[in-house]
């Protein structure tokens, strides 16, 4: 049974990796940030993160989010490559490609990772 479950998880992670890579490529045409590494994880509390080394991490469950939420999440982490904080400059970067980021951010915060 665990082998089947593991294959399912590997399949879903690969699906998430392809989805995220495509969306990063799309949005990064606008931003032009250097992405070091993209990791797909199964975290219990976070949708995504960005390291100071330019590594982007995403929860594989992103594939279950509606497209606007997934795009916001990807843009949010991508913009941390330009501003590794949540300053006004960071939110201005996010707002360039996701103008309704405030509303979407609130919705994403109400969507716990564990539920999906």
N, C-alpha and C. Protein backbone atom coordinates (compact mmCIF):
# COMPACT_ATOMS: atom_id res chain seq x y z
N UNK A 1 0.81 -1.20 0.00
CA UNK A 1 0.00 0.00 0.00
C UNK A 1 0.85 1.27 0.00
N UNK A 2 1.91 1.30 0.76
CA UNK A 2 2.74 2.49 0.82
C UNK A 2 3.39 2.79 -0.53
N UNK A 3 3.73 1.76 -1.27
CA UNK A 3 4.35 1.98 -2.59
C UNK A 3 3.37 2.71 -3.50
N UNK A 4 2.10 2.28 -3.49
CA UNK A 4 1.09 2.95 -4.31
C UNK A 4 0.94 4.41 -3.87
N UNK A 5 0.86 4.64 -2.57
CA UNK A 5 0.75 5.99 -2.06
C UNK A 5 1.95 6.84 -2.42
N UNK A 6 3.13 6.23 -2.34
CA UNK A 6 4.34 6.96 -2.69
C UNK A 6 4.35 7.31 -4.17
N UNK A 7 3.96 6.38 -5.01
CA UNK A 7 3.89 6.67 -6.44
C UNK A 7 2.91 7.80 -6.71
N UNK A 8 1.81 7.78 -6.02
CA UNK A 8 0.84 8.85 -6.17
C UNK A 8 1.47 10.19 -5.80
N UNK A 9 2.16 10.23 -4.69
CA UNK A 9 2.80 11.47 -4.23
C UNK A 9 3.87 11.92 -5.22
N UNK A 10 4.69 11.00 -5.70
CA UNK A 10 5.72 11.36 -6.68
C UNK A 10 5.06 11.91 -7.94
N UNK A 11 3.99 11.28 -8.37
CA UNK A 11 3.27 11.75 -9.57
C UNK A 11 2.72 13.16 -9.34
N UNK A 12 2.12 13.38 -8.19
CA UNK A 12 1.56 14.70 -7.89
C UNK A 12 2.65 15.75 -7.75
N UNK A 13 3.76 15.39 -7.16
CA UNK A 13 4.87 16.34 -7.04
C UNK A 13 5.41 16.72 -8.41
N UNK A 14 5.52 15.75 -9.30
CA UNK A 14 6.01 16.04 -10.65
C UNK A 14 5.01 16.92 -11.40
N UNK A 15 3.73 16.65 -11.20
CA UNK A 15 2.69 17.48 -11.80
C UNK A 15 2.81 18.91 -11.27
N UNK A 16 3.01 19.05 -9.97
CA UNK A 16 3.18 20.38 -9.37
C UNK A 16 4.43 21.07 -9.90
N UNK A 17 5.53 20.33 -10.00
CA UNK A 17 6.78 20.90 -10.49
C UNK A 17 6.60 21.46 -11.91
N UNK A 18 5.96 20.71 -12.78
CA UNK A 18 5.73 21.16 -14.16
C UNK A 18 4.85 22.40 -14.19
N UNK A 19 3.78 22.38 -13.40
CA UNK A 19 2.87 23.52 -13.34
C UNK A 19 3.61 24.77 -12.85
N UNK A 20 4.33 24.63 -11.74
CA UNK A 20 5.03 25.77 -11.15
C UNK A 20 6.11 26.29 -12.08
N UNK A 21 6.87 25.41 -12.67
CA UNK A 21 7.93 25.83 -13.61
C UNK A 21 7.34 26.63 -14.75
N UNK A 22 6.25 26.16 -15.33
CA UNK A 22 5.60 26.89 -16.43
C UNK A 22 5.13 28.26 -16.00
N UNK A 23 4.53 28.35 -14.83
CA UNK A 23 4.02 29.64 -14.35
C UNK A 23 5.16 30.58 -13.97
N UNK A 24 6.23 30.06 -13.39
CA UNK A 24 7.39 30.90 -13.08
C UNK A 24 7.99 31.44 -14.37
N UNK A 25 8.13 30.58 -15.37
CA UNK A 25 8.65 31.03 -16.66
C UNK A 25 7.77 32.14 -17.24
N UNK A 26 6.47 31.99 -17.12
CA UNK A 26 5.53 33.00 -17.63
C UNK A 26 5.71 34.33 -16.89
N UNK A 27 5.64 34.30 -15.56
CA UNK A 27 5.72 35.54 -14.79
C UNK A 27 7.12 36.14 -14.78
N UNK A 28 8.13 35.30 -14.84
CA UNK A 28 9.49 35.84 -14.77
C UNK A 28 9.90 36.53 -16.06
N UNK A 29 9.12 36.39 -17.13
CA UNK A 29 9.37 37.19 -18.33
C UNK A 29 9.17 38.66 -18.01
N UNK A 30 8.28 38.93 -17.07
CA UNK A 30 8.03 40.31 -16.64
C UNK A 30 9.09 40.78 -15.64
N UNK A 31 9.46 39.91 -14.68
CA UNK A 31 10.35 40.33 -13.60
C UNK A 31 11.83 40.16 -13.94
N UNK A 32 12.20 39.06 -14.54
CA UNK A 32 13.60 38.81 -14.88
C UNK A 32 14.49 38.46 -13.70
N UNK A 33 13.94 37.82 -12.68
CA UNK A 33 14.74 37.41 -11.52
C UNK A 33 15.50 36.13 -11.81
N UNK A 34 16.62 35.95 -11.11
CA UNK A 34 17.39 34.72 -11.23
C UNK A 34 16.87 33.71 -10.21
N UNK A 35 16.31 32.62 -10.71
CA UNK A 35 15.81 31.55 -9.85
C UNK A 35 16.91 30.50 -9.74
N UNK A 36 17.31 30.20 -8.51
CA UNK A 36 18.36 29.21 -8.32
C UNK A 36 17.81 27.79 -8.43
N UNK A 37 16.89 27.42 -7.53
CA UNK A 37 16.36 26.06 -7.50
C UNK A 37 14.88 26.11 -7.13
N UNK A 38 14.11 25.20 -7.68
CA UNK A 38 12.70 25.07 -7.34
C UNK A 38 12.51 23.72 -6.68
N UNK A 39 11.99 23.72 -5.46
CA UNK A 39 11.76 22.47 -4.73
C UNK A 39 10.27 22.32 -4.47
N UNK A 40 9.80 21.10 -4.61
CA UNK A 40 8.40 20.77 -4.34
C UNK A 40 8.39 19.92 -3.07
N UNK A 41 7.64 20.37 -2.08
CA UNK A 41 7.63 19.70 -0.78
C UNK A 41 6.22 19.36 -0.35
N UNK A 42 6.14 18.63 0.74
CA UNK A 42 4.85 18.31 1.34
C UNK A 42 4.86 18.87 2.75
N UNK A 43 4.74 20.18 2.86
CA UNK A 43 4.76 20.84 4.16
C UNK A 43 3.35 20.87 4.73
N UNK A 44 3.26 20.95 6.05
CA UNK A 44 1.94 20.92 6.68
C UNK A 44 1.41 22.31 7.01
N UNK A 45 2.26 23.34 6.93
CA UNK A 45 1.79 24.68 7.31
C UNK A 45 2.06 25.77 6.29
N UNK A 46 2.91 25.53 5.32
CA UNK A 46 3.27 26.60 4.37
C UNK A 46 2.94 26.21 2.94
N UNK A 47 2.50 27.21 2.19
CA UNK A 47 2.26 27.02 0.77
C UNK A 47 3.55 27.21 -0.02
N UNK A 48 4.42 28.08 0.47
CA UNK A 48 5.66 28.34 -0.25
C UNK A 48 6.63 29.14 0.59
N UNK A 49 7.87 29.21 0.09
CA UNK A 49 8.90 30.02 0.75
C UNK A 49 10.00 30.32 -0.25
N UNK A 50 10.84 31.28 0.14
CA UNK A 50 11.98 31.68 -0.69
C UNK A 50 13.18 31.86 0.22
N UNK A 51 14.31 31.32 -0.18
CA UNK A 51 15.52 31.45 0.64
C UNK A 51 16.38 32.60 0.12
N UNK A 52 17.31 33.03 0.95
CA UNK A 52 18.22 34.10 0.55
C UNK A 52 19.16 33.66 -0.57
N UNK A 53 19.24 32.36 -0.82
CA UNK A 53 20.08 31.83 -1.90
C UNK A 53 19.33 31.79 -3.24
N UNK A 54 18.08 32.23 -3.24
CA UNK A 54 17.30 32.24 -4.48
C UNK A 54 16.58 30.94 -4.76
N UNK A 55 16.41 30.11 -3.72
CA UNK A 55 15.68 28.86 -3.87
C UNK A 55 14.20 29.09 -3.56
N UNK A 56 13.35 28.60 -4.44
CA UNK A 56 11.91 28.71 -4.24
C UNK A 56 11.36 27.34 -3.85
N UNK A 57 10.55 27.31 -2.81
CA UNK A 57 9.95 26.08 -2.31
C UNK A 57 8.44 26.22 -2.37
N UNK A 58 7.78 25.16 -2.84
CA UNK A 58 6.33 25.17 -2.95
C UNK A 58 5.75 23.85 -2.45
N UNK A 59 4.58 23.94 -1.86
CA UNK A 59 3.85 22.75 -1.46
C UNK A 59 3.22 22.13 -2.70
N UNK A 60 3.32 20.83 -2.84
CA UNK A 60 2.79 20.18 -4.04
C UNK A 60 1.26 20.33 -4.15
N UNK A 61 0.60 20.64 -3.04
CA UNK A 61 -0.86 20.79 -3.05
C UNK A 61 -1.31 22.05 -3.78
N UNK A 62 -0.37 22.84 -4.27
CA UNK A 62 -0.70 24.02 -5.06
C UNK A 62 -1.56 23.65 -6.27
N UNK A 63 -1.42 22.43 -6.76
CA UNK A 63 -2.19 22.00 -7.94
C UNK A 63 -3.67 21.88 -7.64
N UNK A 64 -4.05 21.88 -6.35
CA UNK A 64 -5.46 21.80 -5.98
C UNK A 64 -6.10 23.17 -5.78
N UNK A 65 -5.29 24.22 -5.79
CA UNK A 65 -5.82 25.57 -5.62
C UNK A 65 -6.44 26.06 -6.92
N UNK A 66 -7.38 26.99 -6.78
CA UNK A 66 -7.90 27.59 -8.01
C UNK A 66 -6.78 28.43 -8.64
N UNK A 67 -6.79 28.59 -9.96
CA UNK A 67 -5.67 29.23 -10.67
C UNK A 67 -5.25 30.59 -10.13
N UNK A 68 -6.18 31.44 -9.75
CA UNK A 68 -5.80 32.77 -9.25
C UNK A 68 -4.99 32.67 -7.96
N UNK A 69 -5.33 31.74 -7.09
CA UNK A 69 -4.59 31.55 -5.85
C UNK A 69 -3.19 30.99 -6.13
N UNK A 70 -3.12 30.01 -7.02
CA UNK A 70 -1.83 29.42 -7.36
C UNK A 70 -0.92 30.46 -8.00
N UNK A 71 -1.44 31.25 -8.92
CA UNK A 71 -0.63 32.29 -9.56
C UNK A 71 -0.15 33.31 -8.55
N UNK A 72 -1.03 33.72 -7.64
CA UNK A 72 -0.62 34.68 -6.60
C UNK A 72 0.52 34.10 -5.78
N UNK A 73 0.38 32.86 -5.37
CA UNK A 73 1.40 32.21 -4.55
C UNK A 73 2.74 32.17 -5.28
N UNK A 74 2.72 31.82 -6.54
CA UNK A 74 3.94 31.76 -7.34
C UNK A 74 4.55 33.14 -7.49
N UNK A 75 3.75 34.14 -7.79
CA UNK A 75 4.25 35.52 -7.93
C UNK A 75 4.80 36.01 -6.60
N UNK A 76 4.11 35.71 -5.51
CA UNK A 76 4.56 36.12 -4.18
C UNK A 76 5.98 35.62 -3.91
N UNK A 77 6.18 34.33 -4.10
CA UNK A 77 7.52 33.78 -3.84
C UNK A 77 8.55 34.28 -4.85
N UNK A 78 8.16 34.42 -6.09
CA UNK A 78 9.05 34.94 -7.12
C UNK A 78 9.50 36.36 -6.77
N UNK A 79 8.61 37.19 -6.28
CA UNK A 79 8.94 38.57 -5.94
C UNK A 79 9.88 38.66 -4.74
N UNK A 80 9.93 37.61 -3.92
CA UNK A 80 10.90 37.61 -2.83
C UNK A 80 12.33 37.54 -3.36
N UNK A 81 12.50 37.16 -4.60
CA UNK A 81 13.84 37.18 -5.19
C UNK A 81 14.31 38.62 -5.40
N UNK A 82 13.37 39.54 -5.50
CA UNK A 82 13.70 40.95 -5.64
C UNK A 82 13.71 41.69 -4.31
N UNK A 83 12.82 41.30 -3.43
CA UNK A 83 12.71 41.90 -2.09
C UNK A 83 12.44 40.77 -1.11
N UNK A 84 13.42 40.43 -0.28
CA UNK A 84 13.29 39.31 0.65
C UNK A 84 12.63 39.77 1.95
N UNK A 85 11.47 40.40 1.81
CA UNK A 85 10.72 40.94 2.94
C UNK A 85 9.30 41.21 2.48
N UNK A 86 8.50 41.83 3.31
CA UNK A 86 7.14 42.21 2.92
C UNK A 86 6.98 43.73 3.00
N UNK A 87 7.95 44.44 2.47
CA UNK A 87 7.94 45.90 2.46
C UNK A 87 6.97 46.42 1.38
N UNK A 88 6.81 47.73 1.36
CA UNK A 88 5.98 48.36 0.32
C UNK A 88 6.54 48.06 -1.06
N UNK A 89 7.86 48.03 -1.18
CA UNK A 89 8.47 47.72 -2.49
C UNK A 89 8.14 46.29 -2.92
N UNK A 90 8.15 45.36 -1.96
CA UNK A 90 7.78 43.98 -2.27
C UNK A 90 6.35 43.92 -2.81
N UNK A 91 5.40 44.54 -2.08
CA UNK A 91 3.99 44.49 -2.49
C UNK A 91 3.77 45.22 -3.82
N UNK A 92 4.57 46.24 -4.08
CA UNK A 92 4.48 46.92 -5.39
C UNK A 92 4.90 45.96 -6.51
N UNK A 93 5.92 45.15 -6.26
CA UNK A 93 6.33 44.14 -7.25
C UNK A 93 5.20 43.14 -7.51
N UNK A 94 4.62 42.63 -6.44
CA UNK A 94 3.52 41.66 -6.57
C UNK A 94 2.37 42.29 -7.34
N UNK A 95 2.04 43.53 -7.01
CA UNK A 95 0.91 44.22 -7.62
C UNK A 95 1.05 44.46 -9.11
N UNK A 96 2.26 44.40 -9.62
CA UNK A 96 2.45 44.62 -11.06
C UNK A 96 1.84 43.51 -11.90
N UNK A 97 1.81 42.28 -11.40
CA UNK A 97 1.22 41.18 -12.17
C UNK A 97 -0.03 40.60 -11.51
N UNK A 98 -0.25 40.92 -10.22
CA UNK A 98 -1.45 40.47 -9.52
C UNK A 98 -2.06 41.69 -8.83
N UNK A 99 -2.77 42.53 -9.59
CA UNK A 99 -3.27 43.78 -9.01
C UNK A 99 -4.25 43.60 -7.85
N UNK A 100 -4.97 42.48 -7.79
CA UNK A 100 -5.91 42.24 -6.70
C UNK A 100 -5.30 41.33 -5.63
N UNK A 101 -3.99 41.49 -5.39
CA UNK A 101 -3.26 40.62 -4.46
C UNK A 101 -3.80 40.69 -3.04
N UNK A 102 -4.34 41.81 -2.60
CA UNK A 102 -4.84 41.93 -1.23
C UNK A 102 -6.00 40.95 -1.01
N UNK A 103 -6.94 40.95 -1.91
CA UNK A 103 -8.10 40.05 -1.81
C UNK A 103 -7.67 38.59 -1.91
N UNK A 104 -6.79 38.30 -2.86
CA UNK A 104 -6.35 36.92 -3.07
C UNK A 104 -5.53 36.43 -1.88
N UNK A 105 -4.69 37.30 -1.33
CA UNK A 105 -3.89 36.94 -0.16
C UNK A 105 -4.79 36.56 1.01
N UNK A 106 -5.85 37.32 1.22
CA UNK A 106 -6.80 37.02 2.30
C UNK A 106 -7.46 35.66 2.07
N UNK A 107 -7.83 35.38 0.84
CA UNK A 107 -8.45 34.09 0.53
C UNK A 107 -7.46 32.94 0.75
N UNK A 108 -6.23 33.12 0.33
CA UNK A 108 -5.23 32.07 0.50
C UNK A 108 -4.96 31.81 1.98
N UNK A 109 -4.94 32.86 2.78
CA UNK A 109 -4.72 32.70 4.22
C UNK A 109 -5.84 31.91 4.88
N UNK A 110 -7.03 31.95 4.29
CA UNK A 110 -8.16 31.18 4.81
C UNK A 110 -8.20 29.75 4.26
N UNK A 111 -7.20 29.40 3.45
CA UNK A 111 -7.14 28.07 2.85
C UNK A 111 -5.99 27.30 3.48
N UNK A 112 -6.27 26.55 4.54
CA UNK A 112 -5.17 25.84 5.22
C UNK A 112 -4.61 24.72 4.35
N UNK A 113 -3.32 24.53 4.46
CA UNK A 113 -2.63 23.51 3.68
C UNK A 113 -3.14 22.12 4.01
N UNK A 114 -3.43 21.87 5.27
CA UNK A 114 -3.84 20.54 5.72
C UNK A 114 -5.18 20.10 5.16
N UNK A 115 -6.06 21.05 4.88
CA UNK A 115 -7.41 20.72 4.43
C UNK A 115 -7.40 20.14 3.03
N UNK A 116 -6.53 20.67 2.19
CA UNK A 116 -6.51 20.23 0.79
C UNK A 116 -5.79 18.90 0.67
